[in-house]
Amino acid sequence: MRLLSFIDFLYSYYARVTSFPLIIQICIIFIFGCILLFSLFLSLMSFIRVKYNRQQYLEDKYIPIIDELILKYLFESTREYTLVEIYDDFYQSLGNLKKENLNLIIQRLIQCKRNFDLSFNEPFNRLMTALGIEGHIEKKFNFSNSYEKMKGIQELSSLAITAAESNIFPFTYSGNFNIRKEARNSYLRLSKNDPFKFFEETTEELNAWDQINLLKHLANFENKTIPNFSK
């Protein structure tokens, strides 16, 4: 009964509005449109604010714990921990290692790698394996969201996960310019065998940004097979 009454109310209101002059109908539609847009704007701002506050809360709560664990396994202990021991320690300290926690761990590992030379650090590789970092990052490639894909490519490159170069390579031909640019820069940094492979198959001209990045990477390679870019 209430539903029928509500439908009758809407119908009577619609009939009343349509009986008004055209200019008044336009004004009513404009007012309702503004109210709707304002409501959507408030909802979006509230969502962004809540998301930001949650992220800030997680960082304040977990980053000190994550930093302490990373220092423990990379620098402070001479003991060789097993993968299970490392995982259990993180699990007991952080709880379930879900997406949000793993993203914070990746963020701190990237920062750690920037500050210290961990190129041949076995504890660092063991820590990455124990927490399934590579697999977590590669899941981002399954998202249709371009931002998630770009973030995943950047994380693999920043952590220098060379085993992931085959997963990055398909994106070097992506139709999305930003993804393609990030994938090519990352592939040049990660590939040990044929970092210029995608240049041998591409038919498009290099823009100024690509040329600058290419020169920067060429300066760091020795005794590598360089493709003929004049084709």
Protein backbone atom coordinates (compact mmCIF):
# COMPACT_ATOMS: atom_id res chain seq x y z
CA MET A 1 0.00 0.00 0.00
CA ARG A 2 2.80 2.39 0.89
CA LEU A 3 4.52 1.67 -2.42
CA LEU A 4 1.32 2.35 -4.34
CA SER A 5 0.77 5.57 -2.40
CA PHE A 6 4.31 6.69 -3.20
CA ILE A 7 3.81 5.90 -6.91
CA ASP A 8 0.54 7.83 -6.88
CA PHE A 9 2.33 10.77 -5.27
CA LEU A 10 5.05 10.77 -7.92
CA TYR A 11 2.50 10.54 -10.71
CA SER A 12 0.42 13.42 -9.30
CA TYR A 13 3.57 15.51 -8.82
CA TYR A 14 4.67 14.79 -12.39
CA ALA A 15 1.22 15.74 -13.72
CA ARG A 16 1.31 18.97 -11.72
CA VAL A 17 4.79 19.91 -12.97
CA THR A 18 3.92 19.23 -16.61
CA SER A 19 0.97 21.57 -16.28
CA PHE A 20 3.31 24.49 -15.53
CA PRO A 21 4.66 26.78 -18.26
CA LEU A 22 7.78 25.50 -20.02
CA ILE A 23 10.13 28.02 -18.42
CA ILE A 24 9.00 26.95 -14.94
CA GLN A 25 9.49 23.28 -15.84
CA ILE A 26 13.03 24.06 -16.98
CA CYS A 27 13.74 25.91 -13.73
CA ILE A 28 12.44 23.00 -11.65
CA ILE A 29 14.57 20.51 -13.59
CA PHE A 30 17.59 22.79 -13.22
CA ILE A 31 17.07 23.09 -9.44
CA PHE A 32 16.69 19.33 -8.99
CA GLY A 33 19.75 18.79 -11.20
CA CYS A 34 21.84 21.14 -9.05
CA ILE A 35 20.66 19.41 -5.88
CA LEU A 36 21.57 16.02 -7.37
CA LEU A 37 25.02 17.17 -8.51
CA PHE A 38 25.72 18.80 -5.15
CA SER A 39 24.70 15.62 -3.35
CA LEU A 40 26.97 13.55 -5.58
CA PHE A 41 29.82 15.99 -4.94
CA LEU A 42 29.35 15.76 -1.16
CA SER A 43 29.20 11.96 -1.36
CA LEU A 44 32.41 11.84 -3.40
CA MET A 45 34.23 14.20 -1.04
CA SER A 46 33.05 12.18 1.96
CA PHE A 47 34.28 8.96 0.32
CA ILE A 48 37.69 10.48 -0.45
CA ARG A 49 37.96 11.84 3.09
CA VAL A 50 37.05 8.50 4.67
CA LYS A 51 39.50 6.67 2.41
CA TYR A 52 42.28 9.14 3.23
CA ASN A 53 41.63 8.90 6.98
CA ARG A 54 41.68 5.10 6.82
CA GLN A 55 44.96 5.11 4.88
CA GLN A 56 46.48 7.53 7.39
CA TYR A 57 45.27 5.35 10.25
CA LEU A 58 46.81 2.21 8.71
CA GLU A 59 50.12 3.98 8.07
CA ASP A 60 50.32 5.35 11.61
CA LYS A 61 49.46 1.96 13.08
CA TYR A 62 51.45 -0.46 10.92
CA ILE A 63 54.44 1.33 9.35
CA PRO A 64 56.48 1.44 12.61
CA ILE A 65 55.85 -2.32 13.01
CA ILE A 66 56.73 -3.02 9.37
CA ASP A 67 59.94 -0.97 9.60
CA GLU A 68 60.96 -2.86 12.73
CA LEU A 69 60.39 -6.23 11.05
CA ILE A 70 62.25 -5.20 7.88
CA LEU A 71 65.25 -4.02 9.90
CA LYS A 72 65.19 -7.25 11.86
CA TYR A 73 65.31 -9.52 8.82
CA LEU A 74 67.60 -7.45 6.61
CA PHE A 75 70.17 -5.93 8.93
CA GLU A 76 69.98 -6.91 12.59
CA SER A 77 70.01 -10.69 12.55
CA THR A 78 72.71 -13.01 11.26
CA ARG A 79 70.44 -16.03 11.51
CA GLU A 80 68.91 -17.41 8.31
CA TYR A 81 65.17 -17.51 8.88
CA THR A 82 62.91 -19.89 6.97
CA LEU A 83 60.12 -18.57 4.74
CA VAL A 84 57.51 -19.89 7.17
CA GLU A 85 59.13 -18.14 10.13
CA ILE A 86 59.21 -14.83 8.29
CA TYR A 87 55.58 -15.11 7.19
CA ASP A 88 54.39 -16.12 10.67
CA ASP A 89 56.24 -13.21 12.26
CA PHE A 90 54.57 -10.70 9.93
CA TYR A 91 51.21 -12.43 10.38
CA GLN A 92 51.41 -12.28 14.16
CA SER A 93 52.49 -8.63 14.12
CA LEU A 94 50.14 -7.29 11.41
CA GLY A 95 47.32 -9.80 11.37
CA ASN A 96 46.04 -11.15 8.08
CA LEU A 97 48.36 -10.08 5.26
CA LYS A 98 45.65 -8.65 3.05
CA LYS A 99 45.93 -6.13 0.25
CA GLU A 100 46.25 -3.03 2.41
CA ASN A 101 48.98 -4.49 4.62
CA LEU A 102 50.94 -5.85 1.66
CA ASN A 103 50.79 -2.48 -0.10
CA LEU A 104 52.29 -0.84 2.99
CA ILE A 105 55.03 -3.49 3.13
CA ILE A 106 55.82 -2.90 -0.56
CA GLN A 107 55.95 0.84 0.03
CA ARG A 108 58.48 0.41 2.85
CA LEU A 109 60.55 -2.15 0.92
CA ILE A 110 60.83 0.26 -2.01
CA GLN A 111 61.95 3.02 0.35
CA CYS A 112 64.46 0.64 1.93
CA LYS A 113 65.84 -0.34 -1.46
CA ARG A 114 66.29 3.31 -2.39
CA ASN A 115 68.21 4.02 0.79
CA PHE A 116 70.40 0.90 0.84
CA ASP A 117 72.20 -1.21 -1.74
CA LEU A 118 70.23 -4.47 -1.68
CA SER A 119 71.12 -5.70 -5.17
CA PHE A 120 72.69 -8.91 -3.90
CA ASN A 121 70.99 -9.13 -0.54
CA GLU A 122 69.75 -12.68 0.00
CA PRO A 123 67.65 -11.79 3.11
CA PHE A 124 65.83 -9.20 1.01
CA ASN A 125 64.98 -11.79 -1.66
CA ARG A 126 63.91 -14.29 1.01
CA LEU A 127 61.67 -11.69 2.62
CA MET A 128 60.04 -10.94 -0.74
CA THR A 129 59.45 -14.64 -1.38
CA ALA A 130 58.07 -15.35 2.09
CA LEU A 131 55.46 -12.59 1.84
CA GLY A 132 54.51 -13.35 -1.78
CA ILE A 133 55.28 -9.78 -2.84
CA GLU A 134 55.77 -10.56 -6.53
CA GLY A 135 52.48 -12.47 -6.79
CA HIS A 136 50.59 -9.69 -5.03
CA ILE A 137 51.96 -7.05 -7.40
CA GLU A 138 51.21 -9.13 -10.50
CA LYS A 139 47.55 -9.38 -9.45
CA LYS A 140 47.28 -5.67 -10.19
CA PHE A 141 47.78 -6.45 -13.88
CA ASN A 142 44.36 -8.15 -13.89
CA PHE A 143 42.61 -4.87 -13.08
CA SER A 144 41.09 -2.83 -15.90
CA ASN A 145 42.07 0.27 -13.93
CA SER A 146 45.07 1.85 -15.69
CA TYR A 147 46.32 3.35 -12.43
CA GLU A 148 46.58 -0.09 -10.80
CA LYS A 149 48.49 -1.49 -13.77
CA MET A 150 50.92 1.42 -13.80
CA LYS A 151 51.42 1.13 -10.06
CA GLY A 152 52.15 -2.59 -10.38
CA ILE A 153 54.71 -1.98 -13.14
CA GLN A 154 56.40 0.75 -11.10
CA GLU A 155 56.57 -1.49 -8.02
CA LEU A 156 58.12 -4.40 -9.93
CA SER A 157 60.69 -2.05 -11.41
CA SER A 158 61.47 -0.30 -8.11
CA LEU A 159 62.01 -3.64 -6.37
CA ALA A 160 64.09 -4.88 -9.34
CA ILE A 161 62.15 -8.13 -9.69
CA THR A 162 63.82 -9.35 -12.88
CA ALA A 163 61.76 -12.54 -13.01
CA ALA A 164 58.72 -10.36 -13.75
CA GLU A 165 60.02 -8.92 -17.02
CA SER A 166 57.90 -11.39 -19.04
CA ASN A 167 54.79 -10.03 -17.32
CA ILE A 168 55.75 -6.44 -18.10
CA PHE A 169 56.67 -7.03 -21.75
CA PRO A 170 53.06 -7.27 -23.11
CA PHE A 171 52.37 -3.81 -21.73
CA THR A 172 55.19 -2.31 -23.85
CA TYR A 173 52.66 -2.41 -26.72
CA SER A 174 49.69 -1.17 -24.68
CA GLY A 175 47.30 1.23 -26.38
CA ASN A 176 47.43 3.40 -23.25
CA PHE A 177 50.34 5.83 -23.67
CA ASN A 178 51.12 6.14 -19.94
CA ILE A 179 51.10 2.37 -19.37
CA ARG A 180 53.21 1.79 -22.49
CA LYS A 181 55.76 4.42 -21.42
CA GLU A 182 56.04 3.06 -17.88
CA ALA A 183 56.27 -0.54 -19.11
CA ARG A 184 59.06 0.28 -21.58
CA ASN A 185 61.09 2.17 -19.00
CA SER A 186 60.66 -0.68 -16.52
CA TYR A 187 61.52 -3.34 -19.10
CA LEU A 188 64.72 -1.49 -20.00
CA ARG A 189 65.74 -1.51 -16.34
CA LEU A 190 64.76 -5.11 -15.57
CA SER A 191 65.62 -7.18 -18.62
CA LYS A 192 69.02 -8.85 -18.46
CA ASN A 193 68.92 -10.61 -21.83
CA ASP A 194 67.26 -8.36 -24.40
CA PRO A 195 66.17 -5.03 -22.86
CA PHE A 196 65.57 -3.48 -26.31
CA LYS A 197 63.36 -6.29 -27.61
CA PHE A 198 60.22 -4.20 -28.00
CA PHE A 199 62.07 -1.64 -30.15
CA GLU A 200 62.78 -4.33 -32.75
CA GLU A 201 59.07 -4.88 -33.36
CA THR A 202 57.58 -1.42 -32.91
CA THR A 203 56.81 0.71 -35.98
CA GLU A 204 56.00 3.96 -34.23
CA GLU A 205 58.41 6.88 -34.02
CA LEU A 206 60.15 7.68 -30.74
CA ASN A 207 59.04 10.92 -29.16
CA ALA A 208 61.45 13.22 -27.33
CA TRP A 209 60.72 11.66 -23.94
CA ASP A 210 61.39 8.14 -25.24
CA GLN A 211 64.67 9.27 -26.78
CA ILE A 212 65.84 10.85 -23.51
CA ASN A 213 65.03 7.69 -21.55
CA LEU A 214 66.66 5.52 -24.20
CA LEU A 215 69.91 7.51 -24.04
CA LYS A 216 69.90 7.29 -20.27
CA HIS A 217 69.59 3.51 -20.37
CA LEU A 218 72.10 3.10 -23.19
CA ALA A 219 74.71 4.80 -21.01
CA ASN A 220 74.31 2.03 -18.43
CA PHE A 221 74.66 -0.94 -20.81
CA GLU A 222 77.87 -2.55 -21.92
CA ASN A 223 78.35 -5.31 -24.48
CA LYS A 224 74.63 -5.47 -25.19
CA THR A 225 73.04 -6.13 -28.54
CA ILE A 226 71.44 -2.83 -29.50
CA PRO A 227 68.73 -2.87 -32.15
CA ASN A 228 68.93 -0.81 -35.31
CA PHE A 229 66.70 2.17 -34.53
CA SER A 230 67.06 3.58 -38.04
CA LYS A 231 64.70 0.95 -39.50
